[in-house]
Amino acid sequence: MAIQDFLTIRTAVLNDAALQEQLRAAPDEAALFERVLALGRERGCDLSEQDLRFVVDTNRRNWLERWLHQ
């Protein structure tokens, strides 16, 4: 995964309340990933479901580690 592609999508979502609502409306993780990948394709980003899974798992692990060390 090109980190720049992920950052492009993240920036677009953070700056657009309508996109945030679309993603929040996803009924489950599979639908969320589908929406994020579509958003990426619209912006010329080359991401895969595995790329998104890596980001999600990494962020979950970081969150858990932060709480375990308090």
N, C-alpha and C. Protein backbone atom coordinates (compact mmCIF):
# COMPACT_ATOMS: atom_id res chain seq x y z
N MET A 1 0.86 -1.18 0.00
CA MET A 1 0.00 0.00 0.00
C MET A 1 0.89 1.23 0.00
N ALA A 2 0.53 2.12 -0.84
CA ALA A 2 1.20 3.42 -0.80
C ALA A 2 0.53 4.24 0.29
N ILE A 3 1.28 4.59 1.29
CA ILE A 3 0.71 5.34 2.41
C ILE A 3 0.09 6.64 1.92
N GLN A 4 0.62 7.20 0.85
CA GLN A 4 0.07 8.44 0.32
C GLN A 4 -1.38 8.24 -0.14
N ASP A 5 -1.69 7.07 -0.70
CA ASP A 5 -3.07 6.81 -1.12
C ASP A 5 -4.00 6.80 0.08
N PHE A 6 -3.59 6.14 1.15
CA PHE A 6 -4.42 6.13 2.35
C PHE A 6 -4.58 7.54 2.92
N LEU A 7 -3.50 8.29 2.96
CA LEU A 7 -3.56 9.65 3.49
C LEU A 7 -4.46 10.55 2.65
N THR A 8 -4.48 10.32 1.35
CA THR A 8 -5.36 11.08 0.47
C THR A 8 -6.82 10.84 0.83
N ILE A 9 -7.16 9.58 1.03
CA ILE A 9 -8.55 9.25 1.39
C ILE A 9 -8.88 9.79 2.77
N ARG A 10 -7.98 9.60 3.71
CA ARG A 10 -8.23 10.07 5.08
C ARG A 10 -8.45 11.58 5.10
N THR A 11 -7.62 12.31 4.37
CA THR A 11 -7.77 13.77 4.32
C THR A 11 -9.10 14.16 3.71
N ALA A 12 -9.50 13.48 2.64
CA ALA A 12 -10.78 13.78 2.00
C ALA A 12 -11.93 13.58 2.97
N VAL A 13 -11.88 12.50 3.73
CA VAL A 13 -12.96 12.20 4.69
C VAL A 13 -12.95 13.20 5.84
N LEU A 14 -11.79 13.51 6.36
CA LEU A 14 -11.71 14.45 7.48
C LEU A 14 -12.20 15.84 7.11
N ASN A 15 -12.11 16.19 5.84
CA ASN A 15 -12.51 17.52 5.39
C ASN A 15 -13.91 17.59 4.80
N ASP A 16 -14.67 16.49 4.85
CA ASP A 16 -15.98 16.46 4.21
C ASP A 16 -16.99 15.76 5.12
N ALA A 17 -17.85 16.54 5.75
CA ALA A 17 -18.83 15.98 6.69
C ALA A 17 -19.78 14.99 6.00
N ALA A 18 -20.10 15.24 4.73
CA ALA A 18 -21.00 14.33 4.01
C ALA A 18 -20.35 12.95 3.82
N LEU A 19 -19.06 12.94 3.52
CA LEU A 19 -18.35 11.65 3.40
C LEU A 19 -18.30 10.94 4.74
N GLN A 20 -18.09 11.69 5.80
CA GLN A 20 -18.07 11.09 7.13
C GLN A 20 -19.40 10.41 7.43
N GLU A 21 -20.50 11.07 7.09
CA GLU A 21 -21.82 10.49 7.34
C GLU A 21 -22.05 9.25 6.49
N GLN A 22 -21.59 9.27 5.24
CA GLN A 22 -21.73 8.10 4.38
C GLN A 22 -21.00 6.90 4.98
N LEU A 23 -19.82 7.14 5.50
CA LEU A 23 -19.05 6.04 6.08
C LEU A 23 -19.66 5.58 7.40
N ARG A 24 -20.15 6.51 8.20
CA ARG A 24 -20.80 6.13 9.46
C ARG A 24 -22.06 5.31 9.24
N ALA A 25 -22.69 5.52 8.09
CA ALA A 25 -23.94 4.82 7.79
C ALA A 25 -23.71 3.37 7.34
N ALA A 26 -22.48 2.98 7.15
CA ALA A 26 -22.19 1.60 6.74
C ALA A 26 -22.69 0.64 7.81
N PRO A 27 -23.47 -0.36 7.42
CA PRO A 27 -24.05 -1.27 8.41
C PRO A 27 -23.05 -2.24 9.05
N ASP A 28 -21.92 -2.45 8.38
CA ASP A 28 -20.92 -3.37 8.93
C ASP A 28 -19.55 -3.05 8.31
N GLU A 29 -18.55 -3.75 8.79
CA GLU A 29 -17.19 -3.47 8.34
C GLU A 29 -17.01 -3.73 6.84
N ALA A 30 -17.62 -4.79 6.34
CA ALA A 30 -17.50 -5.10 4.91
C ALA A 30 -18.05 -3.96 4.06
N ALA A 31 -19.19 -3.42 4.44
CA ALA A 31 -19.78 -2.30 3.70
C ALA A 31 -18.91 -1.05 3.84
N LEU A 32 -18.35 -0.84 5.01
CA LEU A 32 -17.46 0.30 5.22
C LEU A 32 -16.25 0.20 4.30
N PHE A 33 -15.62 -0.97 4.28
CA PHE A 33 -14.46 -1.17 3.41
C PHE A 33 -14.83 -0.93 1.95
N GLU A 34 -15.97 -1.45 1.54
CA GLU A 34 -16.43 -1.27 0.16
C GLU A 34 -16.56 0.21 -0.17
N ARG A 35 -17.14 0.97 0.74
CA ARG A 35 -17.31 2.41 0.52
C ARG A 35 -15.97 3.14 0.48
N VAL A 36 -15.05 2.77 1.35
CA VAL A 36 -13.74 3.42 1.36
C VAL A 36 -12.97 3.09 0.08
N LEU A 37 -13.05 1.85 -0.36
CA LEU A 37 -12.36 1.47 -1.59
C LEU A 37 -12.94 2.21 -2.79
N ALA A 38 -14.25 2.37 -2.83
CA ALA A 38 -14.89 3.12 -3.92
C ALA A 38 -14.44 4.58 -3.88
N LEU A 39 -14.40 5.13 -2.70
CA LEU A 39 -13.94 6.51 -2.51
C LEU A 39 -12.51 6.65 -3.02
N GLY A 40 -11.68 5.67 -2.73
CA GLY A 40 -10.30 5.69 -3.20
C GLY A 40 -10.21 5.62 -4.71
N ARG A 41 -10.99 4.73 -5.30
CA ARG A 41 -10.98 4.62 -6.77
C ARG A 41 -11.39 5.94 -7.42
N GLU A 42 -12.39 6.61 -6.84
CA GLU A 42 -12.84 7.90 -7.37
C GLU A 42 -11.71 8.93 -7.36
N ARG A 43 -10.77 8.77 -6.46
CA ARG A 43 -9.68 9.72 -6.32
C ARG A 43 -8.37 9.20 -6.89
N GLY A 44 -8.44 8.09 -7.62
CA GLY A 44 -7.25 7.54 -8.25
C GLY A 44 -6.30 6.84 -7.31
N CYS A 45 -6.80 6.41 -6.16
CA CYS A 45 -5.96 5.72 -5.18
C CYS A 45 -6.02 4.21 -5.39
N ASP A 46 -4.91 3.56 -5.17
CA ASP A 46 -4.80 2.13 -5.37
C ASP A 46 -4.69 1.44 -4.02
N LEU A 47 -5.85 1.16 -3.42
CA LEU A 47 -5.89 0.47 -2.13
C LEU A 47 -6.64 -0.84 -2.30
N SER A 48 -6.33 -1.78 -1.43
CA SER A 48 -7.04 -3.06 -1.44
C SER A 48 -7.69 -3.28 -0.07
N GLU A 49 -8.53 -4.28 -0.01
CA GLU A 49 -9.14 -4.63 1.27
C GLU A 49 -8.06 -5.02 2.29
N GLN A 50 -7.01 -5.68 1.81
CA GLN A 50 -5.91 -6.07 2.71
C GLN A 50 -5.21 -4.83 3.28
N ASP A 51 -5.09 -3.79 2.47
CA ASP A 51 -4.49 -2.55 2.95
C ASP A 51 -5.32 -1.95 4.08
N LEU A 52 -6.63 -1.92 3.87
CA LEU A 52 -7.52 -1.37 4.90
C LEU A 52 -7.48 -2.23 6.15
N ARG A 53 -7.46 -3.55 5.98
CA ARG A 53 -7.40 -4.47 7.12
C ARG A 53 -6.13 -4.19 7.92
N PHE A 54 -5.01 -3.97 7.25
CA PHE A 54 -3.75 -3.67 7.93
C PHE A 54 -3.87 -2.40 8.76
N VAL A 55 -4.46 -1.35 8.19
CA VAL A 55 -4.62 -0.08 8.90
C VAL A 55 -5.52 -0.27 10.12
N VAL A 56 -6.64 -0.96 9.95
CA VAL A 56 -7.57 -1.18 11.06
C VAL A 56 -6.89 -1.99 12.17
N ASP A 57 -6.24 -3.07 11.80
CA ASP A 57 -5.59 -3.92 12.81
C ASP A 57 -4.48 -3.17 13.54
N THR A 58 -3.70 -2.39 12.80
CA THR A 58 -2.63 -1.62 13.42
C THR A 58 -3.18 -0.60 14.40
N ASN A 59 -4.23 0.10 14.00
CA ASN A 59 -4.82 1.10 14.89
C ASN A 59 -5.45 0.47 16.12
N ARG A 60 -6.10 -0.67 15.95
CA ARG A 60 -6.67 -1.38 17.12
C ARG A 60 -5.57 -1.80 18.08
N ARG A 61 -4.50 -2.35 17.53
CA ARG A 61 -3.40 -2.80 18.38
C ARG A 61 -2.78 -1.61 19.13
N ASN A 62 -2.59 -0.50 18.44
CA ASN A 62 -2.03 0.70 19.09
C ASN A 62 -2.95 1.20 20.20
N TRP A 63 -4.25 1.19 19.95
CA TRP A 63 -5.21 1.64 20.95
C TRP A 63 -5.15 0.74 22.18
N LEU A 64 -5.13 -0.58 21.96
CA LEU A 64 -5.07 -1.51 23.08
C LEU A 64 -3.78 -1.36 23.87
N GLU A 65 -2.67 -1.24 23.16
CA GLU A 65 -1.39 -1.08 23.85
C GLU A 65 -1.34 0.20 24.67
N ARG A 66 -1.95 1.24 24.17
CA ARG A 66 -1.96 2.51 24.90
C ARG A 66 -2.72 2.35 26.22
N TRP A 67 -3.84 1.61 26.18
CA TRP A 67 -4.63 1.44 27.39
C TRP A 67 -4.01 0.43 28.35
N LEU A 68 -3.28 -0.52 27.81
CA LEU A 68 -2.64 -1.52 28.68
C LEU A 68 -1.49 -0.93 29.47
N HIS A 69 -0.85 0.10 28.95
CA HIS A 69 0.31 0.68 29.60
C HIS A 69 -0.02 1.86 30.52
N GLN A 70 -1.28 2.06 30.78
CA GLN A 70 -1.67 3.14 31.69
C GLN A 70 -1.79 2.65 33.09
